[in-house]
Amino acid sequence: MVIKSFREYLDKLRSAGELVEINEEVSVDLEVAALLRQLMYSGGPAMIIRRTRERTLPIVGNLFGKWDRVAMVMEGRNLGDAISELTNMINFRAPGGLLDALKSLSELRRYAQYFPKFVNNGPVRKYEWREIDLTKIPAIRQWPHEPGRFITFGITFVKYGDYRNFGYYRLQVVGRDRFIMHWQPWRRSAMYSELEGKGEVAVVFGPDPVTMLMAGVSIPHPLDKLLITGVLRGEGVELIRGSTVDVDYPADAELVIEGELTGEYAREGPFGDHVGVYSIAKDYPIVKVKAIYSREEPLIPVTVTGKPTLEDGSIIRFGNEVIKPMLTLLMPEIVDIEIPPEGLGYVMIVSIRKRYPGHARRVMLTLWGMVPVLGKIIIVTDHDIDIKDFRQVMYAVAAHVNPARDVLIINDYPVEELDPSTPIPNLGSKVGIDATRKLPEEYGGREYPMDVDADFPKDIIDKVNRLISSTMGRNASNK
């Protein structure tokens, strides 16, 4: 079965030799970040830091620094099978007759197990903090020019009517009961908060690891992110209603901060972000903490940013696998999608079964329309290119791209504010590169040149492979 709780995940990591503990005192001012970054760059284990100089709660970091640890989360539930189930559920159709109705009823019962479940109590609400004091939370300063301490791995839950969303937004602590919420205007949570009017949030630390991974995945409105999380987990997430806010959040978590936006703004940043530069300082909403709850002896997840690839690379890879079936459902022509972790979500490579002139451009524009933050650069190739093989992608670009014809640039388009290449925050440009073979309508009415290996005799290829295999085998045995 999929790992269903944060503590179970830590036990799994410990048993696999992928979790270490240190008791030496480490400061949340630069030291924690430097330690965790080095662990991630070197492929090291997850780490529990028991003691900090500032007397905060214990820290656990580098949880998803290696893909093997993400795969461990899904142990017992094949990610491909879960994604297939997700596709079936999204593609569910209303019954057209009695037999269809009976079949649909059975499917609905199966899907019901994935919906969120409400409980009256849970470990996260075991203790109410008598004194609200954010200095006890291990907010860190990562880089020398940051103005203060930031919460980096808290998951912000928001609600708008029957819609819920959750995601990672950095939070700058500016007082014992106040922090600045860094969410960009096109983010789903920012939209929900504005539409709801009252701006209430719950910042959750240490829910189950699938929920933690899904918090880093962009899912467009109105798809239910919690429902998708339930499908991946194999069962719905248990939620508890907020005590002081009208927001639901996972009951089996380490700690939760309930708060409300005050309507005030304060200067946030600069912050050393995942692009490897300091992001701009800008005014963002202030949140006043109304209550803090936690389980007994909570452990607080912390992550760090910097030049790739760090822990967020694993989350990007996970998100790529999750969103792929949704995109292929909308665009069946898509064969594969690759969002390289090194590209920070700004680079997307897509292979398609091309059917008509301008097809590659339509795919680019559809992707940009669905999730503006993804794909500052989109490369579209033919279906026979293995887009996970960078050499094949570069060949397709080199062989099939005529820049004047095949490069599409769109100006004044929403982009991620963290992108340092754009002088105007949240507004930039997109570039699409059509690396597909061209149809006659795209090639001056002429047929595109034939590939040299298009009709090469298979019997000769098989013979050559046999001879190479035999020869290489003898050479290896003689060494």
Protein backbone atom coordinates (compact mmCIF):
# COMPACT_ATOMS: atom_id res chain seq x y z
CA MET A 1 0.00 0.00 0.00
CA VAL A 2 0.98 3.62 -0.49
CA ILE A 3 2.56 5.21 2.58
CA LYS A 4 -0.37 6.88 4.32
CA SER A 5 1.28 9.06 6.97
CA PHE A 6 4.31 11.25 7.51
CA ARG A 7 5.52 9.19 10.47
CA GLU A 8 5.17 5.96 8.48
CA TYR A 9 7.28 7.51 5.74
CA LEU A 10 10.01 8.43 8.24
CA ASP A 11 9.98 4.85 9.57
CA LYS A 12 10.36 3.55 6.00
CA LEU A 13 13.25 5.89 5.35
CA ARG A 14 14.93 4.86 8.58
CA SER A 15 14.56 1.15 7.78
CA ALA A 16 16.04 1.71 4.32
CA GLY A 17 19.05 3.58 5.72
CA GLU A 18 17.76 6.80 4.12
CA LEU A 19 17.26 8.80 7.33
CA VAL A 20 19.90 10.03 9.75
CA GLU A 21 19.68 12.16 12.88
CA ILE A 22 22.06 14.72 14.30
CA ASN A 23 22.01 16.17 17.80
CA GLU A 24 24.67 18.83 17.27
CA GLU A 25 23.20 22.30 17.56
CA VAL A 26 22.61 23.96 14.16
CA SER A 27 21.40 27.51 13.55
CA VAL A 28 18.35 28.27 11.40
CA ASP A 29 20.33 31.32 10.26
CA LEU A 30 22.16 30.02 7.11
CA GLU A 31 23.54 26.82 8.68
CA VAL A 32 20.46 24.60 8.27
CA ALA A 33 20.07 25.66 4.64
CA ALA A 34 23.74 25.07 3.81
CA LEU A 35 23.62 21.64 5.43
CA LEU A 36 20.45 20.52 3.63
CA ARG A 37 21.61 21.89 0.27
CA GLN A 38 24.87 19.95 0.50
CA LEU A 39 22.93 16.80 1.39
CA MET A 40 20.74 17.23 -1.70
CA TYR A 41 23.57 18.01 -4.09
CA SER A 42 25.52 14.96 -2.89
CA GLY A 43 22.56 12.56 -3.01
CA GLY A 44 22.61 12.14 0.75
CA PRO A 45 19.89 10.82 3.07
CA ALA A 46 16.99 12.62 4.69
CA MET A 47 17.97 14.19 8.00
CA ILE A 48 16.36 15.01 11.33
CA ILE A 49 17.98 17.97 13.08
CA ARG A 50 16.99 17.63 16.72
CA ARG A 51 18.42 20.85 18.12
CA THR A 52 18.68 24.37 16.76
CA ARG A 53 20.49 27.29 18.35
CA GLU A 54 17.23 29.26 18.28
CA ARG A 55 15.36 26.52 20.25
CA THR A 56 12.84 25.79 17.53
CA LEU A 57 10.98 22.55 16.99
CA PRO A 58 13.08 19.75 15.41
CA ILE A 59 13.59 19.82 11.65
CA VAL A 60 13.38 17.09 9.05
CA GLY A 61 14.86 17.86 5.64
CA ASN A 62 15.85 16.37 2.27
CA LEU A 63 12.76 14.16 2.30
CA PHE A 64 12.49 13.88 -1.49
CA GLY A 65 16.06 14.67 -2.51
CA LYS A 66 16.35 11.43 -4.49
CA TRP A 67 13.79 9.93 -6.88
CA ASP A 68 14.12 6.57 -5.11
CA ARG A 69 12.55 8.14 -2.05
CA VAL A 70 9.61 9.44 -4.12
CA ALA A 71 9.17 5.94 -5.56
CA MET A 72 9.17 4.62 -2.00
CA VAL A 73 6.14 6.80 -1.23
CA MET A 74 4.15 5.00 -3.94
CA GLU A 75 5.41 1.55 -2.95
CA GLY A 76 2.64 -1.01 -3.39
CA ARG A 77 0.68 1.22 -5.78
CA ASN A 78 2.11 1.49 -9.26
CA LEU A 79 2.17 5.15 -10.27
CA GLY A 80 1.18 4.22 -13.81
CA ASP A 81 -1.85 2.26 -12.57
CA ALA A 82 -2.90 5.12 -10.32
CA ILE A 83 -2.58 7.57 -13.19
CA SER A 84 -4.65 5.24 -15.39
CA GLU A 85 -7.36 5.17 -12.72
CA LEU A 86 -7.23 8.95 -12.56
CA THR A 87 -7.68 9.15 -16.33
CA ASN A 88 -10.67 6.81 -16.19
CA MET A 89 -12.28 8.90 -13.49
CA ILE A 90 -11.77 12.17 -15.34
CA ASN A 91 -13.17 10.52 -18.46
CA PHE A 92 -16.22 9.14 -16.62
CA ARG A 93 -19.37 9.48 -18.71
CA ALA A 94 -23.03 9.63 -17.74
CA PRO A 95 -24.95 6.35 -18.32
CA GLY A 96 -27.01 5.95 -21.49
CA GLY A 97 -29.20 3.01 -20.46
CA LEU A 98 -29.92 0.47 -17.73
CA LEU A 99 -26.78 -1.61 -18.26
CA ASP A 100 -24.70 1.53 -18.47
CA ALA A 101 -26.36 2.82 -15.30
CA LEU A 102 -25.48 -0.37 -13.38
CA LYS A 103 -21.94 -0.21 -14.63
CA SER A 104 -21.71 3.48 -13.75
CA LEU A 105 -23.03 2.80 -10.24
CA SER A 106 -20.27 0.28 -9.69
CA GLU A 107 -17.68 2.76 -10.96
CA LEU A 108 -19.07 5.53 -8.76
CA ARG A 109 -18.76 3.30 -5.70
CA ARG A 110 -15.16 2.58 -6.61
CA TYR A 111 -14.37 6.25 -7.14
CA ALA A 112 -16.06 7.20 -3.85
CA GLN A 113 -13.11 5.76 -1.91
CA TYR A 114 -10.89 8.51 -3.30
CA PHE A 115 -12.96 11.46 -2.09
CA PRO A 116 -11.79 13.35 1.03
CA LYS A 117 -13.23 12.04 4.29
CA PHE A 118 -14.07 14.28 7.23
CA VAL A 119 -13.18 13.31 10.79
CA ASN A 120 -13.95 15.02 14.08
CA ASN A 121 -10.47 14.80 15.50
CA GLY A 122 -6.94 13.95 14.48
CA PRO A 123 -3.30 13.99 15.64
CA VAL A 124 -2.73 17.50 14.28
CA ARG A 125 -5.22 18.89 16.81
CA LYS A 126 -3.95 17.03 19.86
CA TYR A 127 -2.51 20.17 21.45
CA GLU A 128 -3.55 23.79 21.13
CA TRP A 129 -0.64 26.14 21.72
CA ARG A 130 -1.40 28.36 24.67
CA GLU A 131 0.96 30.99 23.32
CA ILE A 132 1.10 31.81 19.61
CA ASP A 133 4.79 32.11 18.82
CA LEU A 134 6.04 31.63 15.27
CA THR A 135 9.66 31.85 16.45
CA LYS A 136 9.26 28.25 17.65
CA ILE A 137 8.60 27.14 14.07
CA PRO A 138 11.89 26.41 12.23
CA ALA A 139 11.69 29.22 9.70
CA ILE A 140 15.12 29.60 8.14
CA ARG A 141 17.30 32.24 6.53
CA GLN A 142 18.88 30.55 3.51
CA TRP A 143 21.08 33.17 1.89
CA PRO A 144 23.04 36.16 3.27
CA HIS A 145 20.93 38.90 1.64
CA GLU A 146 17.57 37.61 2.82
CA PRO A 147 15.99 40.04 5.30
CA GLY A 148 14.68 37.47 7.77
CA ARG A 149 13.42 33.95 8.34
CA PHE A 150 11.14 32.08 5.93
CA ILE A 151 8.88 29.06 6.31
CA THR A 152 9.72 26.99 3.22
CA PHE A 153 7.80 23.69 3.40
CA GLY A 154 4.46 24.61 4.93
CA ILE A 155 1.45 23.69 2.75
CA THR A 156 -1.16 26.45 2.55
CA PHE A 157 -4.77 25.23 2.31
CA VAL A 158 -7.50 27.59 1.12
CA LYS A 159 -11.19 27.24 0.31
CA TYR A 160 -13.61 28.88 -2.08
CA GLY A 161 -17.15 27.57 -1.72
CA ASP A 162 -16.91 23.84 -2.46
CA TYR A 163 -13.48 24.21 -4.07
CA ARG A 164 -10.26 23.64 -2.16
CA ASN A 165 -6.65 24.11 -3.11
CA PHE A 166 -3.31 23.64 -1.45
CA GLY A 167 0.27 24.42 -2.40
CA TYR A 168 3.68 25.64 -1.34
CA TYR A 169 4.07 29.38 -0.86
CA ARG A 170 7.00 30.80 1.01
CA LEU A 171 6.05 32.63 4.20
CA GLN A 172 8.24 35.35 5.71
CA VAL A 173 7.88 35.53 9.48
CA VAL A 174 7.56 39.16 10.60
CA GLY A 175 6.35 38.71 14.18
CA ARG A 176 5.30 36.16 16.75
CA ASP A 177 1.81 36.05 15.25
CA ARG A 178 2.28 37.42 11.72
CA PHE A 179 3.77 36.29 8.44
CA ILE A 180 3.73 37.48 4.84
CA MET A 181 2.01 35.22 2.30
CA HIS A 182 3.91 35.06 -0.99
CA TRP A 183 1.38 34.00 -3.59
CA GLN A 184 1.40 35.34 -7.11
CA PRO A 185 -1.78 36.77 -8.68
CA TRP A 186 -2.35 33.99 -11.21
CA ARG A 187 -2.01 31.28 -8.54
CA ARG A 188 -5.18 29.31 -7.87
CA SER A 189 -5.01 29.92 -4.12
CA ALA A 190 -4.67 33.68 -4.55
CA MET A 191 -7.73 33.65 -6.82
CA TYR A 192 -9.76 31.60 -4.32
CA SER A 193 -8.81 33.89 -1.45
CA GLU A 194 -9.82 36.98 -3.38
CA LEU A 195 -13.12 35.47 -4.53
CA GLU A 196 -13.96 34.15 -1.06
CA GLY A 197 -13.51 37.60 0.39
CA LYS A 198 -12.47 36.68 3.92
CA GLY A 199 -9.01 35.32 3.09
CA GLU A 200 -8.57 32.49 5.61
CA VAL A 201 -5.72 29.97 5.41
CA ALA A 202 -4.38 26.90 7.16
CA VAL A 203 -0.65 26.22 6.85
CA VAL A 204 0.00 22.52 7.38
CA PHE A 205 3.32 20.80 8.11
CA GLY A 206 3.93 17.08 7.59
CA PRO A 207 0.77 15.54 6.16
CA ASP A 208 1.17 12.21 4.32
CA PRO A 209 3.96 12.23 1.70
CA VAL A 210 1.64 11.95 -1.34
CA THR A 211 -0.14 15.12 -0.22
CA MET A 212 3.26 16.76 0.29
CA LEU A 213 4.27 15.87 -3.27
CA MET A 214 0.93 16.98 -4.73
CA ALA A 215 1.29 20.37 -3.03
CA GLY A 216 4.01 21.12 -5.56
CA VAL A 217 1.90 20.18 -8.61
CA SER A 218 -0.07 22.79 -10.55
CA ILE A 219 -3.62 21.54 -11.19
CA PRO A 220 -5.92 23.93 -13.07
CA HIS A 221 -9.33 24.96 -11.76
CA PRO A 222 -11.85 23.32 -11.41
CA LEU A 223 -10.12 19.93 -11.02
CA ASP A 224 -10.12 18.84 -7.37
CA LYS A 225 -6.52 18.51 -6.24
CA LEU A 226 -7.52 16.59 -3.11
CA LEU A 227 -9.48 14.09 -5.18
CA ILE A 228 -6.47 13.52 -7.43
CA THR A 229 -4.36 13.06 -4.30
CA GLY A 230 -6.86 10.46 -3.07
CA VAL A 231 -6.58 8.52 -6.33
CA LEU A 232 -2.78 8.45 -6.05
CA ARG A 233 -2.97 7.38 -2.40
CA GLY A 234 -5.57 4.70 -3.10
CA GLU A 235 -7.91 6.28 -0.56
CA GLY A 236 -9.21 9.72 0.28
CA VAL A 237 -7.35 12.16 2.50
CA GLU A 238 -8.83 12.50 5.98
CA LEU A 239 -9.70 16.14 6.63
CA ILE A 240 -10.63 18.05 9.73
CA ARG A 241 -12.46 21.37 9.71
CA GLY A 242 -10.55 24.36 10.99
CA SER A 243 -11.24 25.49 14.53
CA THR A 244 -10.89 29.25 13.98
CA VAL A 245 -11.04 29.35 10.16
CA ASP A 246 -13.42 27.94 7.57
CA VAL A 247 -10.70 25.85 5.92
CA ASP A 248 -10.34 22.06 5.87
CA TYR A 249 -6.93 20.39 6.16
CA PRO A 250 -5.35 16.94 6.74
CA ALA A 251 -6.08 15.58 10.20
CA ASP A 252 -2.97 13.40 10.31
CA ALA A 253 -0.27 16.07 10.15
CA GLU A 254 2.45 17.35 12.44
CA LEU A 255 1.34 20.95 12.96
CA VAL A 256 -1.10 23.52 11.56
CA ILE A 257 -1.21 27.32 11.68
CA GLU A 258 -4.70 28.79 11.26
CA GLY A 259 -4.77 32.41 10.16
CA GLU A 260 -6.56 35.15 8.29
CA LEU A 261 -5.41 37.82 5.86
CA THR A 262 -5.60 41.21 7.52
CA GLY A 263 -5.99 43.26 4.34
CA GLU A 264 -2.59 44.82 4.99
CA TYR A 265 0.51 44.39 2.84
CA ALA A 266 4.20 44.40 3.70
CA ARG A 267 7.46 44.20 1.79
CA GLU A 268 8.52 40.56 1.34
CA GLY A 269 11.96 39.41 0.19
CA PRO A 270 14.39 39.41 -1.42
CA PHE A 271 14.55 35.63 -1.28
CA GLY A 272 17.18 33.33 -2.79
CA ASP A 273 14.92 31.27 -5.00
CA HIS A 274 15.02 28.03 -6.97
CA VAL A 275 16.28 29.82 -10.08
CA GLY A 276 19.52 30.49 -8.23
CA VAL A 277 19.16 34.28 -7.87
CA TYR A 278 17.49 36.60 -5.38
CA SER A 279 13.88 37.29 -6.30
CA ILE A 280 12.60 40.86 -6.06
CA ALA A 281 11.28 42.47 -2.89
CA LYS A 282 7.60 43.27 -3.26
CA ASP A 283 4.49 43.89 -1.15
CA TYR A 284 2.39 40.83 -0.31
CA PRO A 285 -0.54 40.11 2.07
CA ILE A 286 -0.04 39.86 5.82
CA VAL A 287 -1.59 36.90 7.66
CA LYS A 288 -2.42 37.13 11.37
CA VAL A 289 -2.22 33.81 13.20
CA LYS A 290 -5.40 32.87 15.06
CA ALA A 291 -4.33 29.49 16.45
CA ILE A 292 -1.58 26.86 16.29
CA TYR A 293 -2.23 23.15 16.86
CA SER A 294 0.15 20.22 16.77
CA ARG A 295 0.60 16.58 17.58
CA GLU A 296 2.88 15.49 20.39
CA GLU A 297 6.55 16.31 19.67
CA PRO A 298 6.04 17.46 16.08
CA LEU A 299 8.74 17.30 13.42
CA ILE A 300 8.70 20.19 10.95
CA PRO A 301 9.66 19.61 7.30
CA VAL A 302 12.03 22.18 5.83
CA THR A 303 13.26 22.51 2.26
CA VAL A 304 15.81 24.79 0.62
CA THR A 305 16.26 26.50 -2.72
CA GLY A 306 19.20 27.31 -4.94
CA LYS A 307 20.62 26.36 -8.31
CA PRO A 308 19.25 23.05 -9.60
CA THR A 309 18.86 20.33 -9.00
CA LEU A 310 17.64 20.17 -5.45
CA GLU A 311 14.63 18.56 -3.79
CA ASP A 312 12.20 20.47 -5.98
CA GLY A 313 13.58 18.54 -8.95
CA SER A 314 11.98 15.35 -7.63
CA ILE A 315 8.69 17.18 -7.07
CA ILE A 316 8.80 18.54 -10.65
CA ARG A 317 9.38 15.02 -11.97
CA PHE A 318 6.49 13.68 -9.90
CA GLY A 319 4.23 16.48 -11.15
CA ASN A 320 5.19 15.69 -14.74
CA GLU A 321 3.90 12.13 -14.31
CA VAL A 322 0.66 13.32 -12.70
CA ILE A 323 -0.33 15.99 -15.21
CA LYS A 324 0.63 13.99 -18.30
CA PRO A 325 -2.59 11.88 -18.46
CA MET A 326 -4.76 14.95 -17.95
CA LEU A 327 -3.08 16.74 -20.82
CA THR A 328 -3.23 13.70 -23.10
CA LEU A 329 -6.93 13.36 -22.30
CA LEU A 330 -7.48 16.90 -23.56
CA MET A 331 -5.03 16.49 -26.44
CA PRO A 332 -4.91 12.85 -27.57
CA GLU A 333 -2.24 13.71 -30.11
CA ILE A 334 0.31 14.08 -27.28
CA VAL A 335 2.55 11.02 -27.02
CA ASP A 336 4.80 12.14 -24.18
CA ILE A 337 5.66 15.18 -22.08
CA GLU A 338 8.94 15.88 -20.35
CA ILE A 339 9.54 18.71 -17.86
CA PRO A 340 13.27 18.39 -17.07
CA PRO A 341 14.00 19.11 -13.39
CA GLU A 342 16.96 21.24 -14.43
CA GLY A 343 14.53 23.45 -16.36
CA LEU A 344 12.59 24.35 -13.19
CA GLY A 345 9.25 23.96 -14.99
CA TYR A 346 10.23 26.70 -17.45
CA VAL A 347 11.21 24.18 -20.14
CA MET A 348 8.75 21.67 -21.55
CA ILE A 349 9.32 19.12 -24.30
CA VAL A 350 6.31 17.50 -26.00
CA SER A 351 6.11 14.78 -28.64
CA ILE A 352 2.98 14.56 -30.79
CA ARG A 353 1.43 12.56 -33.60
CA LYS A 354 1.27 15.37 -36.09
CA ARG A 355 -1.77 15.38 -38.35
CA TYR A 356 -2.19 18.80 -39.93
CA PRO A 357 -0.35 22.06 -40.66
CA GLY A 358 0.16 24.24 -37.59
CA HIS A 359 -0.53 21.33 -35.25
CA ALA A 360 2.60 21.96 -33.17
CA ARG A 361 1.58 25.61 -32.63
CA ARG A 362 -1.89 24.62 -31.48
CA VAL A 363 -0.34 22.31 -28.87
CA MET A 364 1.92 25.11 -27.60
CA LEU A 365 -0.94 27.59 -27.29
CA THR A 366 -3.18 25.07 -25.51
CA LEU A 367 -0.50 24.27 -22.94
CA TRP A 368 0.19 27.96 -22.27
CA GLY A 369 -3.51 28.60 -21.87
CA MET A 370 -3.98 25.84 -19.30
CA VAL A 371 -1.08 26.53 -16.93
CA PRO A 372 0.64 29.87 -17.67
CA VAL A 373 3.55 29.23 -15.30
CA LEU A 374 4.73 26.13 -17.15
CA GLY A 375 6.70 26.11 -20.34
CA LYS A 376 8.35 29.46 -20.87
CA ILE A 377 10.09 27.43 -23.57
CA ILE A 378 8.16 24.63 -25.28
CA ILE A 379 9.79 22.30 -27.80
CA VAL A 380 7.45 20.12 -29.87
CA THR A 381 8.82 17.03 -31.65
CA ASP A 382 7.40 14.15 -33.67
CA HIS A 383 6.12 11.01 -31.98
CA ASP A 384 9.20 8.91 -32.83
CA ILE A 385 11.56 11.13 -30.82
CA ASP A 386 12.37 9.90 -27.30
CA ILE A 387 12.06 13.24 -25.55
CA LYS A 388 13.76 11.86 -22.42
CA ASP A 389 16.88 11.49 -24.56
CA PHE A 390 18.31 14.99 -24.86
CA ARG A 391 20.45 13.95 -27.83
CA GLN A 392 17.37 13.01 -29.85
CA VAL A 393 15.66 16.28 -28.92
CA MET A 394 18.69 18.31 -30.01
CA TYR A 395 18.82 16.36 -33.26
CA ALA A 396 15.17 17.19 -33.95
CA VAL A 397 15.81 20.88 -33.25
CA ALA A 398 18.92 20.92 -35.42
CA ALA A 399 17.39 19.00 -38.33
CA HIS A 400 13.84 20.37 -38.47
CA VAL A 401 13.85 23.97 -37.20
CA ASN A 402 13.99 26.90 -39.58
CA PRO A 403 13.97 29.78 -37.08
CA ALA A 404 12.03 32.22 -39.24
CA ARG A 405 9.26 29.69 -39.72
CA ASP A 406 9.36 27.45 -36.65
CA VAL A 407 9.97 29.77 -33.68
CA LEU A 408 6.86 31.34 -32.17
CA ILE A 409 7.30 34.20 -29.67
CA ILE A 410 4.41 35.61 -27.64
CA ASN A 411 4.96 38.86 -25.75
CA ASP A 412 3.16 40.26 -22.68
CA TYR A 413 2.08 36.90 -21.30
CA PRO A 414 1.68 35.86 -17.63
CA VAL A 415 4.85 34.25 -16.29
CA GLU A 416 6.18 33.21 -12.92
CA GLU A 417 7.33 36.15 -10.86
CA LEU A 418 10.41 34.21 -9.78
CA ASP A 419 11.74 34.16 -13.34
CA PRO A 420 14.70 36.60 -13.26
CA SER A 421 14.77 37.04 -17.05
CA THR A 422 11.68 39.29 -17.07
CA PRO A 423 12.10 42.95 -16.03
CA ILE A 424 8.36 43.30 -15.30
CA PRO A 425 7.20 40.91 -12.53
CA ASN A 426 4.57 38.39 -13.65
CA LEU A 427 4.71 39.58 -17.27
CA GLY A 428 7.06 38.22 -19.87
CA SER A 429 7.17 36.20 -23.07
CA LYS A 430 6.93 32.63 -24.29
CA VAL A 431 8.81 30.86 -27.04
CA GLY A 432 7.67 27.76 -28.86
CA ILE A 433 9.99 25.73 -31.09
CA ASP A 434 8.39 23.49 -33.71
CA ALA A 435 10.93 20.68 -34.16
CA THR A 436 8.54 18.43 -36.09
CA ARG A 437 8.99 17.32 -39.67
CA LYS A 438 7.12 19.70 -41.92
CA LEU A 439 4.04 18.88 -43.96
CA PRO A 440 3.89 20.08 -47.59
CA GLU A 441 1.70 23.06 -46.55
CA GLU A 442 4.50 24.12 -44.19
CA TYR A 443 7.29 23.41 -46.66
CA GLY A 444 6.44 25.45 -49.72
CA GLY A 445 4.20 22.74 -51.18
CA ARG A 446 7.02 20.20 -51.39
CA GLU A 447 7.44 16.87 -49.62
CA TYR A 448 9.78 16.96 -46.65
CA PRO A 449 13.07 15.05 -47.18
CA MET A 450 12.85 11.36 -46.29
CA ASP A 451 14.80 10.05 -43.28
CA VAL A 452 17.78 7.95 -44.35
CA ASP A 453 16.78 5.06 -42.10
CA ALA A 454 13.09 5.07 -43.05
CA ASP A 455 13.15 1.86 -45.12
CA PHE A 456 16.42 0.25 -44.10
CA PRO A 457 16.11 -3.58 -44.40
CA LYS A 458 15.28 -5.14 -41.05
CA ASP A 459 17.15 -8.39 -41.74
CA ILE A 460 20.40 -6.47 -42.19
CA ILE A 461 19.81 -4.52 -38.95
CA ASP A 462 19.15 -7.79 -37.07
CA LYS A 463 22.32 -9.39 -38.49
CA VAL A 464 24.46 -6.39 -37.61
CA ASN A 465 23.07 -6.27 -34.05
CA ARG A 466 23.85 -10.01 -33.65
CA LEU A 467 27.42 -9.54 -34.89
CA ILE A 468 27.99 -6.48 -32.67
CA SER A 469 26.58 -8.29 -29.64
CA SER A 470 28.76 -11.32 -30.29
CA THR A 471 31.88 -9.24 -30.88
CA MET A 472 31.37 -7.01 -27.87
CA GLY A 473 30.72 -10.06 -25.72
CA ARG A 474 34.03 -11.67 -26.74
CA ASN A 475 35.93 -8.43 -26.15
CA ALA A 476 34.43 -8.11 -22.68
CA SER A 477 35.39 -11.68 -21.74
CA ASN A 478 39.01 -11.13 -22.90
CA LYS A 479 39.56 -8.17 -20.57
